[in-house]
Amino acid sequence: MTLEDYQAFTRTTAIFPADRALEYLGLGLASEAGEVAGVLKKWIRDGTDDETLKAKLEAELGDVCWYLAELCNATGLDLAAVFAANMRKLSDRQQRGVIAGSGDDR
C-alpha cells in the first residue's frame, strides 16, 4: 500500500458536513492525538504490558492517520508530498545542526 492508496481510501469512509470540513477534521485530528496521549498516560500510570500498549497505540495512531489524510484531501494536499516536505525540512535542519533547537523558523 502507498500513501496515495491510503489517501484515496479515506475518501471512501469519510462522513462529515462538507461545509465544516476543516473544523471537523482539525478537531478530529486534535482529539485523536489526545487519545494517543491518554494511552501513554495510562501506560505510565498502570504499567500496561508492551503488547497491549502496541495494540492500543496502533488503533489510535491509525485514527490520527485517517484525520491527517482527510485534512489533506479537504485542502487539496497530497499526503505523500506532505511527508516528503517534512523529510526535506528535517534533513535540512539536521545538516545545519539545528534539529535539536526550537521554533519553526530555524
PDB file of N, CA and C in Angstrom:
ATOM      1  N   MET A   1       0.834  -1.177   0.000  1.00  0.00           N
ATOM      2  CA  MET A   1       0.000   0.000   0.000  1.00  0.00           C
ATOM      3  C   MET A   1       0.886   1.250   0.000  1.00  0.00           C
ATOM      4  N   THR A   2       0.452   2.240  -0.741  1.00  0.00           N
ATOM      5  CA  THR A   2       1.166   3.514  -0.770  1.00  0.00           C
ATOM      6  C   THR A   2       0.363   4.576  -0.003  1.00  0.00           C
ATOM      7  N   LEU A   3       1.004   5.709   0.251  1.00  0.00           N
ATOM      8  CA  LEU A   3       0.277   6.814   0.871  1.00  0.00           C
ATOM      9  C   LEU A   3      -0.860   7.289  -0.035  1.00  0.00           C
ATOM     10  N   GLU A   4      -0.635   7.233  -1.344  1.00  0.00           N
ATOM     11  CA  GLU A   4      -1.688   7.614  -2.287  1.00  0.00           C
ATOM     12  C   GLU A   4      -2.885   6.678  -2.153  1.00  0.00           C
ATOM     13  N   ASP A   5      -2.617   5.372  -2.021  1.00  0.00           N
ATOM     14  CA  ASP A   5      -3.695   4.396  -1.826  1.00  0.00           C
ATOM     15  C   ASP A   5      -4.474   4.710  -0.552  1.00  0.00           C
ATOM     16  N   TYR A   6      -3.760   4.987   0.510  1.00  0.00           N
ATOM     17  CA  TYR A   6      -4.418   5.263   1.785  1.00  0.00           C
ATOM     18  C   TYR A   6      -5.253   6.529   1.697  1.00  0.00           C
ATOM     19  N   GLN A   7      -4.697   7.577   1.107  1.00  0.00           N
ATOM     20  CA  GLN A   7      -5.422   8.837   0.994  1.00  0.00           C
ATOM     21  C   GLN A   7      -6.690   8.655   0.157  1.00  0.00           C
ATOM     22  N   ALA A   8      -6.619   7.879  -0.906  1.00  0.00           N
ATOM     23  CA  ALA A   8      -7.809   7.605  -1.715  1.00  0.00           C
ATOM     24  C   ALA A   8      -8.823   6.785  -0.917  1.00  0.00           C
ATOM     25  N   PHE A   9      -8.348   5.825  -0.132  1.00  0.00           N
ATOM     26  CA  PHE A   9      -9.233   5.000   0.685  1.00  0.00           C
ATOM     27  C   PHE A   9     -10.001   5.838   1.706  1.00  0.00           C
ATOM     28  N   THR A  10      -9.316   6.778   2.371  1.00  0.00           N
ATOM     29  CA  THR A  10     -10.004   7.538   3.412  1.00  0.00           C
ATOM     30  C   THR A  10     -11.190   8.313   2.853  1.00  0.00           C
ATOM     31  N   ARG A  11     -11.099   8.723   1.605  1.00  0.00           N
ATOM     32  CA  ARG A  11     -12.227   9.438   0.981  1.00  0.00           C
ATOM     33  C   ARG A  11     -13.480   8.567   0.971  1.00  0.00           C
ATOM     34  N   THR A  12     -13.302   7.254   0.842  1.00  0.00           N
ATOM     35  CA  THR A  12     -14.453   6.351   0.743  1.00  0.00           C
ATOM     36  C   THR A  12     -15.115   6.100   2.089  1.00  0.00           C
ATOM     37  N   THR A  13     -14.475   6.501   3.179  1.00  0.00           N
ATOM     38  CA  THR A  13     -15.019   6.254   4.510  1.00  0.00           C
ATOM     39  C   THR A  13     -15.348   7.539   5.247  1.00  0.00           C
ATOM     40  N   ALA A  14     -15.221   8.672   4.571  1.00  0.00           N
ATOM     41  CA  ALA A  14     -15.405   9.976   5.206  1.00  0.00           C
ATOM     42  C   ALA A  14     -16.875  10.383   5.214  1.00  0.00           C
ATOM     43  N   ILE A  15     -17.383  10.645   6.413  1.00  0.00           N
ATOM     44  CA  ILE A  15     -18.752  11.132   6.575  1.00  0.00           C
ATOM     45  C   ILE A  15     -18.710  12.313   7.544  1.00  0.00           C
ATOM     46  N   PHE A  16     -18.856  13.505   7.002  1.00  0.00           N
ATOM     47  CA  PHE A  16     -18.898  14.717   7.819  1.00  0.00           C
ATOM     48  C   PHE A  16     -19.466  15.838   6.957  1.00  0.00           C
ATOM     49  N   PRO A  17     -19.954  16.907   7.579  1.00  0.00           N
ATOM     50  CA  PRO A  17     -20.521  18.022   6.801  1.00  0.00           C
ATOM     51  C   PRO A  17     -19.449  18.706   5.960  1.00  0.00           C
ATOM     52  N   ALA A  18     -19.620  18.701   4.666  1.00  0.00           N
ATOM     53  CA  ALA A  18     -18.613  19.262   3.757  1.00  0.00           C
ATOM     54  C   ALA A  18     -18.348  20.735   4.039  1.00  0.00           C
ATOM     55  N   ASP A  19     -19.374  21.470   4.448  1.00  0.00           N
ATOM     56  CA  ASP A  19     -19.200  22.900   4.688  1.00  0.00           C
ATOM     57  C   ASP A  19     -18.448  23.198   5.989  1.00  0.00           C
ATOM     58  N   ARG A  20     -18.200  22.183   6.786  1.00  0.00           N
ATOM     59  CA  ARG A  20     -17.451  22.347   8.047  1.00  0.00           C
ATOM     60  C   ARG A  20     -16.239  21.415   8.080  1.00  0.00           C
ATOM     61  N   ALA A  21     -15.746  21.039   6.920  1.00  0.00           N
ATOM     62  CA  ALA A  21     -14.684  20.031   6.822  1.00  0.00           C
ATOM     63  C   ALA A  21     -13.436  20.413   7.613  1.00  0.00           C
ATOM     64  N   LEU A  22     -12.959  21.624   7.453  1.00  0.00           N
ATOM     65  CA  LEU A  22     -11.713  21.992   8.122  1.00  0.00           C
ATOM     66  C   LEU A  22     -11.858  21.972   9.632  1.00  0.00           C
ATOM     67  N   GLU A  23     -12.950  22.506  10.137  1.00  0.00           N
ATOM     68  CA  GLU A  23     -13.156  22.480  11.586  1.00  0.00           C
ATOM     69  C   GLU A  23     -13.286  21.043  12.080  1.00  0.00           C
ATOM     70  N   TYR A  24     -14.121  20.263  11.391  1.00  0.00           N
ATOM     71  CA  TYR A  24     -14.368  18.881  11.801  1.00  0.00           C
ATOM     72  C   TYR A  24     -13.078  18.069  11.811  1.00  0.00           C
ATOM     73  N   LEU A  25     -12.329  18.172  10.724  1.00  0.00           N
ATOM     74  CA  LEU A  25     -11.109  17.370  10.597  1.00  0.00           C
ATOM     75  C   LEU A  25     -10.006  17.855  11.528  1.00  0.00           C
ATOM     76  N   GLY A  26      -9.859  19.161  11.676  1.00  0.00           N
ATOM     77  CA  GLY A  26      -8.856  19.687  12.603  1.00  0.00           C
ATOM     78  C   GLY A  26      -9.149  19.280  14.036  1.00  0.00           C
ATOM     79  N   LEU A  27     -10.408  19.379  14.432  1.00  0.00           N
ATOM     80  CA  LEU A  27     -10.790  18.960  15.788  1.00  0.00           C
ATOM     81  C   LEU A  27     -10.651  17.455  15.962  1.00  0.00           C
ATOM     82  N   GLY A  28     -10.986  16.713  14.926  1.00  0.00           N
ATOM     83  CA  GLY A  28     -10.844  15.255  14.998  1.00  0.00           C
ATOM     84  C   GLY A  28      -9.389  14.839  15.142  1.00  0.00           C
ATOM     85  N   LEU A  29      -8.509  15.501  14.402  1.00  0.00           N
ATOM     86  CA  LEU A  29      -7.079  15.205  14.498  1.00  0.00           C
ATOM     87  C   LEU A  29      -6.566  15.498  15.904  1.00  0.00           C
ATOM     88  N   ALA A  30      -6.948  16.647  16.445  1.00  0.00           N
ATOM     89  CA  ALA A  30      -6.527  17.001  17.806  1.00  0.00           C
ATOM     90  C   ALA A  30      -7.084  16.005  18.823  1.00  0.00           C
ATOM     91  N   SER A  31      -8.323  15.598  18.631  1.00  0.00           N
ATOM     92  CA  SER A  31      -8.957  14.649  19.548  1.00  0.00           C
ATOM     93  C   SER A  31      -8.245  13.301  19.530  1.00  0.00           C
ATOM     94  N   GLU A  32      -7.939  12.823  18.350  1.00  0.00           N
ATOM     95  CA  GLU A  32      -7.256  11.525  18.248  1.00  0.00           C
ATOM     96  C   GLU A  32      -5.834  11.607  18.792  1.00  0.00           C
ATOM     97  N   ALA A  33      -5.147  12.727  18.568  1.00  0.00           N
ATOM     98  CA  ALA A  33      -3.814  12.900  19.156  1.00  0.00           C
ATOM     99  C   ALA A  33      -3.924  12.875  20.680  1.00  0.00           C
ATOM    100  N   GLY A  34      -5.002  13.442  21.206  1.00  0.00           N
ATOM    101  CA  GLY A  34      -5.246  13.380  22.642  1.00  0.00           C
ATOM    102  C   GLY A  34      -5.470  11.962  23.129  1.00  0.00           C
ATOM    103  N   GLU A  35      -6.110  11.142  22.306  1.00  0.00           N
ATOM    104  CA  GLU A  35      -6.318   9.742  22.682  1.00  0.00           C
ATOM    105  C   GLU A  35      -4.993   8.985  22.714  1.00  0.00           C
ATOM    106  N   VAL A  36      -4.071   9.320  21.811  1.00  0.00           N
ATOM    107  CA  VAL A  36      -2.723   8.738  21.861  1.00  0.00           C
ATOM    108  C   VAL A  36      -2.069   9.122  23.181  1.00  0.00           C
ATOM    109  N   ALA A  37      -2.179  10.391  23.552  1.00  0.00           N
ATOM    110  CA  ALA A  37      -1.610  10.855  24.816  1.00  0.00           C
ATOM    111  C   ALA A  37      -2.233  10.120  26.000  1.00  0.00           C
ATOM    112  N   GLY A  38      -3.528   9.872  25.934  1.00  0.00           N
ATOM    113  CA  GLY A  38      -4.205   9.153  27.004  1.00  0.00           C
ATOM    114  C   GLY A  38      -3.716   7.728  27.154  1.00  0.00           C
ATOM    115  N   VAL A  39      -3.477   7.055  26.037  1.00  0.00           N
ATOM    116  CA  VAL A  39      -2.935   5.701  26.082  1.00  0.00           C
ATOM    117  C   VAL A  39      -1.577   5.705  26.768  1.00  0.00           C
ATOM    118  N   LEU A  40      -0.729   6.655  26.404  1.00  0.00           N
ATOM    119  CA  LEU A  40       0.604   6.742  27.002  1.00  0.00           C
ATOM    120  C   LEU A  40       0.536   7.088  28.484  1.00  0.00           C
ATOM    121  N   LYS A  41      -0.366   7.985  28.841  1.00  0.00           N
ATOM    122  CA  LYS A  41      -0.536   8.364  30.252  1.00  0.00           C
ATOM    123  C   LYS A  41      -0.932   7.147  31.088  1.00  0.00           C
ATOM    124  N   LYS A  42      -1.885   6.365  30.574  1.00  0.00           N
ATOM    125  CA  LYS A  42      -2.330   5.177  31.318  1.00  0.00           C
ATOM    126  C   LYS A  42      -1.227   4.120  31.368  1.00  0.00           C
ATOM    127  N   TRP A  43      -0.404   4.059  30.328  1.00  0.00           N
ATOM    128  CA  TRP A  43       0.736   3.133  30.322  1.00  0.00           C
ATOM    129  C   TRP A  43       1.714   3.511  31.438  1.00  0.00           C
ATOM    130  N   ILE A  44       1.964   4.816  31.584  1.00  0.00           N
ATOM    131  CA  ILE A  44       2.848   5.280  32.658  1.00  0.00           C
ATOM    132  C   ILE A  44       2.234   4.969  34.023  1.00  0.00           C
ATOM    133  N   ARG A  45       0.965   5.286  34.174  1.00  0.00           N
ATOM    134  CA  ARG A  45       0.296   5.117  35.461  1.00  0.00           C
ATOM    135  C   ARG A  45       0.094   3.650  35.828  1.00  0.00           C
ATOM    136  N   ASP A  46      -0.374   2.840  34.858  1.00  0.00           N
ATOM    137  CA  ASP A  46      -0.789   1.471  35.159  1.00  0.00           C
ATOM    138  C   ASP A  46       0.236   0.412  34.803  1.00  0.00           C
ATOM    139  N   GLY A  47       1.264   0.797  34.036  1.00  0.00           N
ATOM    140  CA  GLY A  47       2.262  -0.180  33.634  1.00  0.00           C
ATOM    141  C   GLY A  47       1.739  -1.217  32.660  1.00  0.00           C
ATOM    142  N   THR A  48       0.927  -0.791  31.702  1.00  0.00           N
ATOM    143  CA  THR A  48       0.382  -1.687  30.681  1.00  0.00           C
ATOM    144  C   THR A  48       1.505  -2.480  30.019  1.00  0.00           C
ATOM    145  N   ASP A  49       1.255  -3.762  29.763  1.00  0.00           N
ATOM    146  CA  ASP A  49       2.289  -4.566  29.102  1.00  0.00           C
ATOM    147  C   ASP A  49       2.513  -4.071  27.675  1.00  0.00           C
ATOM    148  N   ASP A  50       3.683  -4.364  27.141  1.00  0.00           N
ATOM    149  CA  ASP A  50       4.087  -3.819  25.848  1.00  0.00           C
ATOM    150  C   ASP A  50       3.152  -4.206  24.707  1.00  0.00           C
ATOM    151  N   GLU A  51       2.660  -5.428  24.690  1.00  0.00           N
ATOM    152  CA  GLU A  51       1.779  -5.859  23.592  1.00  0.00           C
ATOM    153  C   GLU A  51       0.443  -5.114  23.633  1.00  0.00           C
ATOM    154  N   THR A  52      -0.099  -4.913  24.808  1.00  0.00           N
ATOM    155  CA  THR A  52      -1.342  -4.152  24.941  1.00  0.00           C
ATOM    156  C   THR A  52      -1.108  -2.707  24.533  1.00  0.00           C
ATOM    157  N   LEU A  53       0.009  -2.147  24.975  1.00  0.00           N
ATOM    158  CA  LEU A  53       0.352  -0.776  24.599  1.00  0.00           C
ATOM    159  C   LEU A  53       0.440  -0.646  23.085  1.00  0.00           C
ATOM    160  N   LYS A  54       1.142  -1.557  22.441  1.00  0.00           N
ATOM    161  CA  LYS A  54       1.289  -1.505  20.984  1.00  0.00           C
ATOM    162  C   LYS A  54      -0.059  -1.589  20.288  1.00  0.00           C
ATOM    163  N   ALA A  55      -0.925  -2.473  20.747  1.00  0.00           N
ATOM    164  CA  ALA A  55      -2.239  -2.624  20.125  1.00  0.00           C
ATOM    165  C   ALA A  55      -3.066  -1.355  20.257  1.00  0.00           C
ATOM    166  N   LYS A  56      -3.040  -0.760  21.446  1.00  0.00           N
ATOM    167  CA  LYS A  56      -3.802   0.473  21.655  1.00  0.00           C
ATOM    168  C   LYS A  56      -3.226   1.618  20.841  1.00  0.00           C
ATOM    169  N   LEU A  57      -1.901   1.723  20.811  1.00  0.00           N
ATOM    170  CA  LEU A  57      -1.273   2.786  20.019  1.00  0.00           C
ATOM    171  C   LEU A  57      -1.544   2.609  18.533  1.00  0.00           C
ATOM    172  N   GLU A  58      -1.495   1.365  18.065  1.00  0.00           N
ATOM    173  CA  GLU A  58      -1.768   1.108  16.654  1.00  0.00           C
ATOM    174  C   GLU A  58      -3.155   1.607  16.270  1.00  0.00           C
ATOM    175  N   ALA A  59      -4.136   1.324  17.104  1.00  0.00           N
ATOM    176  CA  ALA A  59      -5.506   1.757  16.818  1.00  0.00           C
ATOM    177  C   ALA A  59      -5.616   3.281  16.822  1.00  0.00           C
ATOM    178  N   GLU A  60      -5.080   3.921  17.831  1.00  0.00           N
ATOM    179  CA  GLU A  60      -5.200   5.382  17.932  1.00  0.00           C
ATOM    180  C   GLU A  60      -4.357   6.100  16.892  1.00  0.00           C
ATOM    181  N   LEU A  61      -3.153   5.609  16.622  1.00  0.00           N
ATOM    182  CA  LEU A  61      -2.325   6.227  15.585  1.00  0.00           C
ATOM    183  C   LEU A  61      -2.965   6.065  14.210  1.00  0.00           C
ATOM    184  N   GLY A  62      -3.655   4.966  13.998  1.00  0.00           N
ATOM    185  CA  GLY A  62      -4.405   4.787  12.752  1.00  0.00           C
ATOM    186  C   GLY A  62      -5.470   5.854  12.588  1.00  0.00           C
ATOM    187  N   ASP A  63      -6.155   6.178  13.691  1.00  0.00           N
ATOM    188  CA  ASP A  63      -7.160   7.241  13.634  1.00  0.00           C
ATOM    189  C   ASP A  63      -6.517   8.593  13.349  1.00  0.00           C
ATOM    190  N   VAL A  64      -5.346   8.842  13.923  1.00  0.00           N
ATOM    191  CA  VAL A  64      -4.610  10.074  13.625  1.00  0.00           C
ATOM    192  C   VAL A  64      -4.303  10.124  12.130  1.00  0.00           C
ATOM    193  N   CYS A  65      -3.860   9.023  11.571  1.00  0.00           N
ATOM    194  CA  CYS A  65      -3.537   8.968  10.135  1.00  0.00           C
ATOM    195  C   CYS A  65      -4.759   9.261   9.279  1.00  0.00           C
ATOM    196  N   TRP A  66      -5.922   8.720   9.680  1.00  0.00           N
ATOM    197  CA  TRP A  66      -7.148   8.947   8.915  1.00  0.00           C
ATOM    198  C   TRP A  66      -7.464  10.439   8.859  1.00  0.00           C
ATOM    199  N   TYR A  67      -7.445  11.085  10.013  1.00  0.00           N
ATOM    200  CA  TYR A  67      -7.755  12.515  10.038  1.00  0.00           C
ATOM    201  C   TYR A  67      -6.722  13.322   9.268  1.00  0.00           C
ATOM    202  N   LEU A  68      -5.458  12.953   9.359  1.00  0.00           N
ATOM    203  CA  LEU A  68      -4.419  13.646   8.601  1.00  0.00           C
ATOM    204  C   LEU A  68      -4.670  13.513   7.100  1.00  0.00           C
ATOM    205  N   ALA A  69      -4.952  12.303   6.643  1.00  0.00           N
ATOM    206  CA  ALA A  69      -5.214  12.085   5.219  1.00  0.00           C
ATOM    207  C   ALA A  69      -6.442  12.857   4.755  1.00  0.00           C
ATOM    208  N   GLU A  70      -7.490  12.859   5.563  1.00  0.00           N
ATOM    209  CA  GLU A  70      -8.703  13.578   5.180  1.00  0.00           C
ATOM    210  C   GLU A  70      -8.503  15.089   5.215  1.00  0.00           C
ATOM    211  N   LEU A  71      -7.698  15.573   6.124  1.00  0.00           N
ATOM    212  CA  LEU A  71      -7.383  17.004   6.146  1.00  0.00           C
ATOM    213  C   LEU A  71      -6.608  17.374   4.881  1.00  0.00           C
ATOM    214  N   CYS A  72      -5.726  16.499   4.450  1.00  0.00           N
ATOM    215  CA  CYS A  72      -5.027  16.720   3.170  1.00  0.00           C
ATOM    216  C   CYS A  72      -6.034  16.724   2.017  1.00  0.00           C
ATOM    217  N   ASN A  73      -6.954  15.773   2.010  1.00  0.00           N
ATOM    218  CA  ASN A  73      -7.973  15.745   0.953  1.00  0.00           C
ATOM    219  C   ASN A  73      -8.779  17.034   0.935  1.00  0.00           C
ATOM    220  N   ALA A  74      -9.186  17.491   2.102  1.00  0.00           N
ATOM    221  CA  ALA A  74     -10.041  18.673   2.185  1.00  0.00           C
ATOM    222  C   ALA A  74      -9.328  19.943   1.740  1.00  0.00           C
ATOM    223  N   THR A  75      -8.018  19.970   1.853  1.00  0.00           N
ATOM    224  CA  THR A  75      -7.253  21.168   1.489  1.00  0.00           C
ATOM    225  C   THR A  75      -6.512  21.028   0.163  1.00  0.00           C
ATOM    226  N   GLY A  76      -6.698  19.895  -0.509  1.00  0.00           N
ATOM    227  CA  GLY A  76      -6.057  19.690  -1.804  1.00  0.00           C
ATOM    228  C   GLY A  76      -4.579  19.362  -1.718  1.00  0.00           C
ATOM    229  N   LEU A  77      -4.150  18.884  -0.563  1.00  0.00           N
ATOM    230  CA  LEU A  77      -2.750  18.496  -0.391  1.00  0.00           C
ATOM    231  C   LEU A  77      -2.571  17.012  -0.650  1.00  0.00           C
ATOM    232  N   ASP A  78      -1.413  16.662  -1.159  1.00  0.00           N
ATOM    233  CA  ASP A  78      -1.061  15.267  -1.378  1.00  0.00           C
ATOM    234  C   ASP A  78      -0.327  14.763  -0.134  1.00  0.00           C
ATOM    235  N   LEU A  79      -0.843  13.709   0.475  1.00  0.00           N
ATOM    236  CA  LEU A  79      -0.262  13.184   1.711  1.00  0.00           C
ATOM    237  C   LEU A  79       1.209  12.821   1.526  1.00  0.00           C
ATOM    238  N   ALA A  80       1.547  12.178   0.426  1.00  0.00           N
ATOM    239  CA  ALA A  80       2.944  11.814   0.180  1.00  0.00           C
ATOM    240  C   ALA A  80       3.818  13.057   0.052  1.00  0.00           C
ATOM    241  N   ALA A  81       3.293  14.112  -0.552  1.00  0.00           N
ATOM    242  CA  ALA A  81       4.048  15.360  -0.679  1.00  0.00           C
ATOM    243  C   ALA A  81       4.253  16.013   0.684  1.00  0.00           C
ATOM    244  N   VAL A  82       3.266  15.916   1.557  1.00  0.00           N
ATOM    245  CA  VAL A  82       3.396  16.457   2.917  1.00  0.00           C
ATOM    246  C   VAL A  82       4.509  15.720   3.655  1.00  0.00           C
ATOM    247  N   PHE A  83       4.529  14.388   3.546  1.00  0.00           N
ATOM    248  CA  PHE A  83       5.579  13.596   4.191  1.00  0.00           C
ATOM    249  C   PHE A  83       6.947  13.948   3.611  1.00  0.00           C
ATOM    250  N   ALA A  84       7.026  14.081   2.281  1.00  0.00           N
ATOM    251  CA  ALA A  84       8.301  14.398   1.630  1.00  0.00           C
ATOM    252  C   ALA A  84       8.802  15.779   2.047  1.00  0.00           C
ATOM    253  N   ALA A  85       7.892  16.753   2.131  1.00  0.00           N
ATOM    254  CA  ALA A  85       8.291  18.103   2.556  1.00  0.00           C
ATOM    255  C   ALA A  85       8.810  18.081   3.985  1.00  0.00           C
ATOM    256  N   ASN A  86       8.190  17.297   4.840  1.00  0.00           N
ATOM    257  CA  ASN A  86       8.645  17.186   6.220  1.00  0.00           C
ATOM    258  C   ASN A  86      10.028  16.554   6.288  1.00  0.00           C
ATOM    259  N   MET A  87      10.259  15.540   5.458  1.00  0.00           N
ATOM    260  CA  MET A  87      11.582  14.909   5.417  1.00  0.00           C
ATOM    261  C   MET A  87      12.644  15.908   4.965  1.00  0.00           C
ATOM    262  N   ARG A  88      12.327  16.698   3.945  1.00  0.00           N
ATOM    263  CA  ARG A  88      13.282  17.707   3.468  1.00  0.00           C
ATOM    264  C   ARG A  88      13.580  18.726   4.558  1.00  0.00           C
ATOM    265  N   LYS A  89      12.542  19.192   5.248  1.00  0.00           N
ATOM    266  CA  LYS A  89      12.721  20.178   6.311  1.00  0.00           C
ATOM    267  C   LYS A  89      13.606  19.626   7.421  1.00  0.00           C
ATOM    268  N   LEU A  90      13.323  18.411   7.865  1.00  0.00           N
ATOM    269  CA  LEU A  90      14.104  17.819   8.950  1.00  0.00           C
ATOM    270  C   LEU A  90      15.533  17.506   8.526  1.00  0.00           C
ATOM    271  N   SER A  91      15.707  17.050   7.296  1.00  0.00           N
ATOM    272  CA  SER A  91      17.056  16.783   6.784  1.00  0.00           C
ATOM    273  C   SER A  91      17.869  18.058   6.721  1.00  0.00           C
ATOM    274  N   ASP A  92      17.238  19.143   6.279  1.00  0.00           N
ATOM    275  CA  ASP A  92      17.916  20.432   6.219  1.00  0.00           C
ATOM    276  C   ASP A  92      18.330  20.884   7.616  1.00  0.00           C
ATOM    277  N   ARG A  93      17.432  20.757   8.587  1.00  0.00           N
ATOM    278  CA  ARG A  93      17.770  21.133   9.961  1.00  0.00           C
ATOM    279  C   ARG A  93      18.905  20.276  10.507  1.00  0.00           C
ATOM    280  N   GLN A  94      18.856  19.000  10.182  1.00  0.00           N
ATOM    281  CA  GLN A  94      19.903  18.085  10.657  1.00  0.00           C
ATOM    282  C   GLN A  94      21.250  18.478  10.056  1.00  0.00           C
ATOM    283  N   GLN A  95      21.280  18.766   8.767  1.00  0.00           N
ATOM    284  CA  GLN A  95      22.525  19.144   8.106  1.00  0.00           C
ATOM    285  C   GLN A  95      23.073  20.457   8.643  1.00  0.00           C
ATOM    286  N   ARG A  96      22.209  21.383   9.038  1.00  0.00           N
ATOM    287  CA  ARG A  96      22.638  22.665   9.569  1.00  0.00           C
ATOM    288  C   ARG A  96      22.886  22.616  11.070  1.00  0.00           C
ATOM    289  N   GLY A  97      22.653  21.455  11.689  1.00  0.00           N
ATOM    290  CA  GLY A  97      22.914  21.295  13.110  1.00  0.00           C
ATOM    291  C   GLY A  97      21.924  21.983  14.026  1.00  0.00           C
ATOM    292  N   VAL A  98      20.693  22.199  13.527  1.00  0.00           N
ATOM    293  CA  VAL A  98      19.691  22.891  14.361  1.00  0.00           C
ATOM    294  C   VAL A  98      18.467  22.014  14.635  1.00  0.00           C
ATOM    295  N   ILE A  99      18.609  20.720  14.416  1.00  0.00           N
ATOM    296  CA  ILE A  99      17.463  19.841  14.622  1.00  0.00           C
ATOM    297  C   ILE A  99      17.036  19.783  16.075  1.00  0.00           C
ATOM    298  N   ALA A 100      17.956  19.993  16.988  1.00  0.00           N
ATOM    299  CA  ALA A 100      17.630  19.940  18.428  1.00  0.00           C
ATOM    300  C   ALA A 100      17.150  21.280  18.957  1.00  0.00           C
ATOM    301  N   GLY A 101      17.091  22.294  18.110  1.00  0.00           N
ATOM    302  CA  GLY A 101      16.658  23.612  18.560  1.00  0.00           C
ATOM    303  C   GLY A 101      15.152  23.686  18.704  1.00  0.00           C
ATOM    304  N   SER A 102      14.648  24.892  18.862  1.00  0.00           N
ATOM    305  CA  SER A 102      13.201  25.077  18.959  1.00  0.00           C
ATOM    306  C   SER A 102      12.760  26.191  18.030  1.00  0.00           C
ATOM    307  N   GLY A 103      11.494  26.182  17.694  1.00  0.00           N
ATOM    308  CA  GLY A 103      10.942  27.189  16.799  1.00  0.00           C
ATOM    309  C   GLY A 103      10.809  26.649  15.393  1.00  0.00           C
ATOM    310  N   ASP A 104       9.839  27.180  14.662  1.00  0.00           N
ATOM    311  CA  ASP A 104       9.582  26.715  13.309  1.00  0.00           C
ATOM    312  C   ASP A 104      10.602  27.224  12.289  1.00  0.00           C
ATOM    313  N   ASP A 105      11.086  28.443  12.488  1.00  0.00           N
ATOM    314  CA  ASP A 105      11.987  29.057  11.509  1.00  0.00           C
ATOM    315  C   ASP A 105      13.427  28.950  11.973  1.00  0.00           C
ATOM    316  N   ARG A 106      13.988  27.760  11.851  1.00  0.00           N
ATOM    317  CA  ARG A 106      15.387  27.574  12.257  1.00  0.00           C
ATOM    318  C   ARG A 106      16.163  26.898  11.162  1.00  0.00           C
TER     319      ARG A 106
END
